[in-house]
Amino acid sequence: MYNTSLRIVNHTADAEDVLQESFCDAFAAIGSFGYKSTFGAWLKRIVINKSINALRKRKMDIIDIEKTNVVQMPEEENYDEEAMKFKVEEIKKAVKDLPNGYRTVLSLHLFEGYDQEEIAEILQISHATVRTQYMRAKQKLLILIKQGGLS
């Protein structure tokens, strides 16, 4: 649960606070646990929601694409993702260096297994914004990895 929170908030003290608050909330609401899922899945949902709320308090920088005048993204360099092989620690560092919005969407999709519609609902943003943030996060991650001399 700590790692889930850390991937979203990207700060150890915030992740620890989120985790403690999540366990307190889970304990207080244990009576409402309806066994519709596993306890772990229920607790993980609480941790994810608390983590996202912590980011909102820090004014997470996700821009709703539908509210901007952006017509089309400029073409980026194509990267051969299959040919790139990296060490886990170096990739973790690159993920930590992503902007909050990118890192959150990428983490929820890749690490937590949420689909883009679920992420849009969780973050209360449009599906188009999630799709764009995810695509840009992958591109930015590849750029950060290449800049780190990992290719």
Protein backbone atom coordinates (compact mmCIF):
# COMPACT_ATOMS: atom_id res chain seq x y z
CA MET A 1 0.00 0.00 0.00
CA TYR A 2 2.91 2.33 0.79
CA ASN A 3 4.41 1.77 -2.67
CA THR A 4 1.05 2.45 -4.30
CA SER A 5 0.79 5.77 -2.50
CA LEU A 6 4.44 6.66 -3.11
CA ARG A 7 4.06 6.14 -6.86
CA ILE A 8 1.22 8.65 -6.88
CA VAL A 9 2.37 11.34 -4.43
CA ASN A 10 6.11 10.94 -5.12
CA HIS A 11 7.13 12.02 -1.62
CA THR A 12 7.94 9.64 1.22
CA ALA A 13 6.48 11.76 4.04
CA ASP A 14 3.25 12.35 2.10
CA ALA A 15 2.99 8.63 1.29
CA GLU A 16 3.46 7.77 4.98
CA ASP A 17 0.77 10.29 5.97
CA VAL A 18 -1.60 8.95 3.31
CA LEU A 19 -1.00 5.40 4.48
CA GLN A 20 -1.68 6.25 8.11
CA GLU A 21 -4.85 8.17 7.22
CA SER A 22 -5.97 5.30 4.98
CA PHE A 23 -5.58 2.72 7.73
CA CYS A 24 -7.43 4.97 10.18
CA ASP A 25 -10.27 5.48 7.69
CA ALA A 26 -10.39 1.76 6.88
CA PHE A 27 -10.53 0.88 10.57
CA ALA A 28 -13.27 3.45 11.18
CA ALA A 29 -15.29 2.20 8.21
CA ILE A 30 -14.67 -1.53 8.62
CA GLY A 31 -18.39 -1.98 9.28
CA SER A 32 -19.18 -0.76 5.77
CA PHE A 33 -16.88 -3.32 4.16
CA GLY A 34 -19.40 -5.42 2.28
CA TYR A 35 -17.16 -8.28 1.09
CA LYS A 36 -17.91 -7.31 -2.53
CA SER A 37 -14.15 -7.45 -3.11
CA THR A 38 -11.14 -8.57 -1.15
CA PHE A 39 -10.12 -6.53 1.86
CA GLY A 40 -6.84 -5.69 0.09
CA ALA A 41 -8.63 -4.31 -2.97
CA TRP A 42 -10.94 -2.25 -0.73
CA LEU A 43 -7.99 -0.86 1.23
CA LYS A 44 -6.03 -0.16 -1.97
CA ARG A 45 -8.94 1.90 -3.30
CA ILE A 46 -8.90 3.96 -0.08
CA VAL A 47 -5.12 4.46 -0.40
CA ILE A 48 -5.42 5.53 -4.06
CA ASN A 49 -8.23 7.98 -3.31
CA LYS A 50 -6.33 9.45 -0.34
CA SER A 51 -3.18 9.76 -2.48
CA ILE A 52 -5.08 11.59 -5.22
CA ASN A 53 -6.63 13.90 -2.64
CA ALA A 54 -3.15 14.66 -1.29
CA LEU A 55 -2.08 15.63 -4.81
CA ARG A 56 -5.14 17.82 -5.23
CA LYS A 57 -4.17 19.64 -2.06
CA ARG A 58 -0.80 20.33 -3.71
CA LYS A 59 -2.69 21.54 -6.80
CA MET A 60 -1.79 18.72 -9.16
CA ASP A 61 -0.90 20.00 -12.62
CA ILE A 62 -3.33 18.17 -14.90
CA ILE A 63 -4.70 20.32 -17.66
CA ASP A 64 -8.09 19.42 -19.14
CA ILE A 65 -7.38 19.14 -22.87
CA GLU A 66 -11.00 19.88 -23.77
CA LYS A 67 -10.70 23.32 -22.13
CA THR A 68 -7.59 24.36 -24.04
CA ASN A 69 -7.08 25.57 -27.58
CA VAL A 70 -4.58 22.86 -28.43
CA VAL A 71 -5.39 21.56 -31.90
CA GLN A 72 -2.84 18.81 -32.31
CA MET A 73 0.30 17.76 -30.53
CA PRO A 74 3.53 18.21 -32.42
CA GLU A 75 5.01 15.01 -33.75
CA GLU A 76 7.62 13.56 -31.44
CA GLU A 77 10.52 11.32 -32.26
CA ASN A 78 9.55 7.67 -32.59
CA TYR A 79 11.28 5.43 -30.10
CA ASP A 80 11.83 1.72 -30.44
CA GLU A 81 10.43 0.65 -27.07
CA GLU A 82 11.20 -3.02 -27.67
CA ALA A 83 14.89 -2.38 -28.26
CA MET A 84 15.31 -0.46 -24.99
CA LYS A 85 16.32 -2.49 -21.94
CA PHE A 86 16.86 -0.72 -18.65
CA LYS A 87 17.58 -1.41 -15.05
CA VAL A 88 14.58 -1.22 -12.73
CA GLU A 89 16.06 1.42 -10.42
CA GLU A 90 16.83 3.76 -13.32
CA ILE A 91 13.27 3.47 -14.62
CA LYS A 92 11.88 4.12 -11.13
CA LYS A 93 13.98 7.27 -10.92
CA ALA A 94 12.73 8.43 -14.32
CA VAL A 95 9.11 7.80 -13.26
CA LYS A 96 9.69 9.83 -10.08
CA ASP A 97 10.98 12.71 -12.23
CA LEU A 98 7.75 12.91 -14.26
CA PRO A 99 5.38 15.82 -13.57
CA ASN A 100 2.61 14.95 -11.08
CA GLY A 101 -0.17 14.57 -13.64
CA TYR A 102 1.86 12.35 -15.94
CA ARG A 103 3.18 10.22 -13.10
CA THR A 104 -0.27 9.74 -11.57
CA VAL A 105 -1.96 8.65 -14.80
CA LEU A 106 0.97 6.42 -15.78
CA SER A 107 1.13 4.79 -12.34
CA LEU A 108 -2.59 4.16 -12.12
CA HIS A 109 -2.61 2.57 -15.57
CA LEU A 110 0.65 0.61 -15.63
CA PHE A 111 1.22 -0.27 -12.00
CA GLU A 112 -2.27 -0.37 -10.52
CA GLY A 113 -4.04 -1.82 -13.58
CA TYR A 114 -6.82 0.75 -13.96
CA ASP A 115 -8.15 1.36 -17.45
CA GLN A 116 -8.36 4.88 -18.83
CA GLU A 117 -12.10 5.25 -18.13
CA GLU A 118 -11.57 4.32 -14.47
CA ILE A 119 -8.69 6.78 -14.18
CA ALA A 120 -10.86 9.54 -15.64
CA GLU A 121 -13.51 8.79 -13.03
CA ILE A 122 -11.00 8.61 -10.16
CA LEU A 123 -9.27 11.88 -11.12
CA GLN A 124 -12.53 13.55 -12.21
CA ILE A 125 -11.14 14.54 -15.61
CA SER A 126 -12.19 13.66 -19.15
CA HIS A 127 -11.20 10.41 -20.83
CA ALA A 128 -9.48 12.45 -23.57
CA THR A 129 -7.33 14.13 -20.93
CA VAL A 130 -6.34 10.79 -19.43
CA ARG A 131 -5.48 9.41 -22.86
CA THR A 132 -3.37 12.47 -23.69
CA GLN A 133 -1.66 12.55 -20.28
CA TYR A 134 -0.83 8.85 -20.60
CA MET A 135 0.60 9.23 -24.10
CA ARG A 136 2.65 12.27 -23.08
CA ALA A 137 3.81 10.51 -19.91
CA LYS A 138 5.16 7.59 -21.94
CA GLN A 139 6.93 9.96 -24.33
CA LYS A 140 8.39 12.03 -21.49
CA LEU A 141 9.49 8.87 -19.67
CA LEU A 142 11.33 7.65 -22.76
CA ILE A 143 13.00 11.05 -23.16
CA LEU A 144 14.07 11.06 -19.48
CA ILE A 145 15.46 7.56 -19.83
CA LYS A 146 17.41 8.46 -22.98
CA GLN A 147 18.76 11.64 -21.36
CA GLY A 148 19.96 9.55 -18.45
CA GLY A 149 22.26 7.71 -20.81
CA LEU A 150 20.47 4.44 -20.40
CA SER A 151 20.13 3.58 -24.07
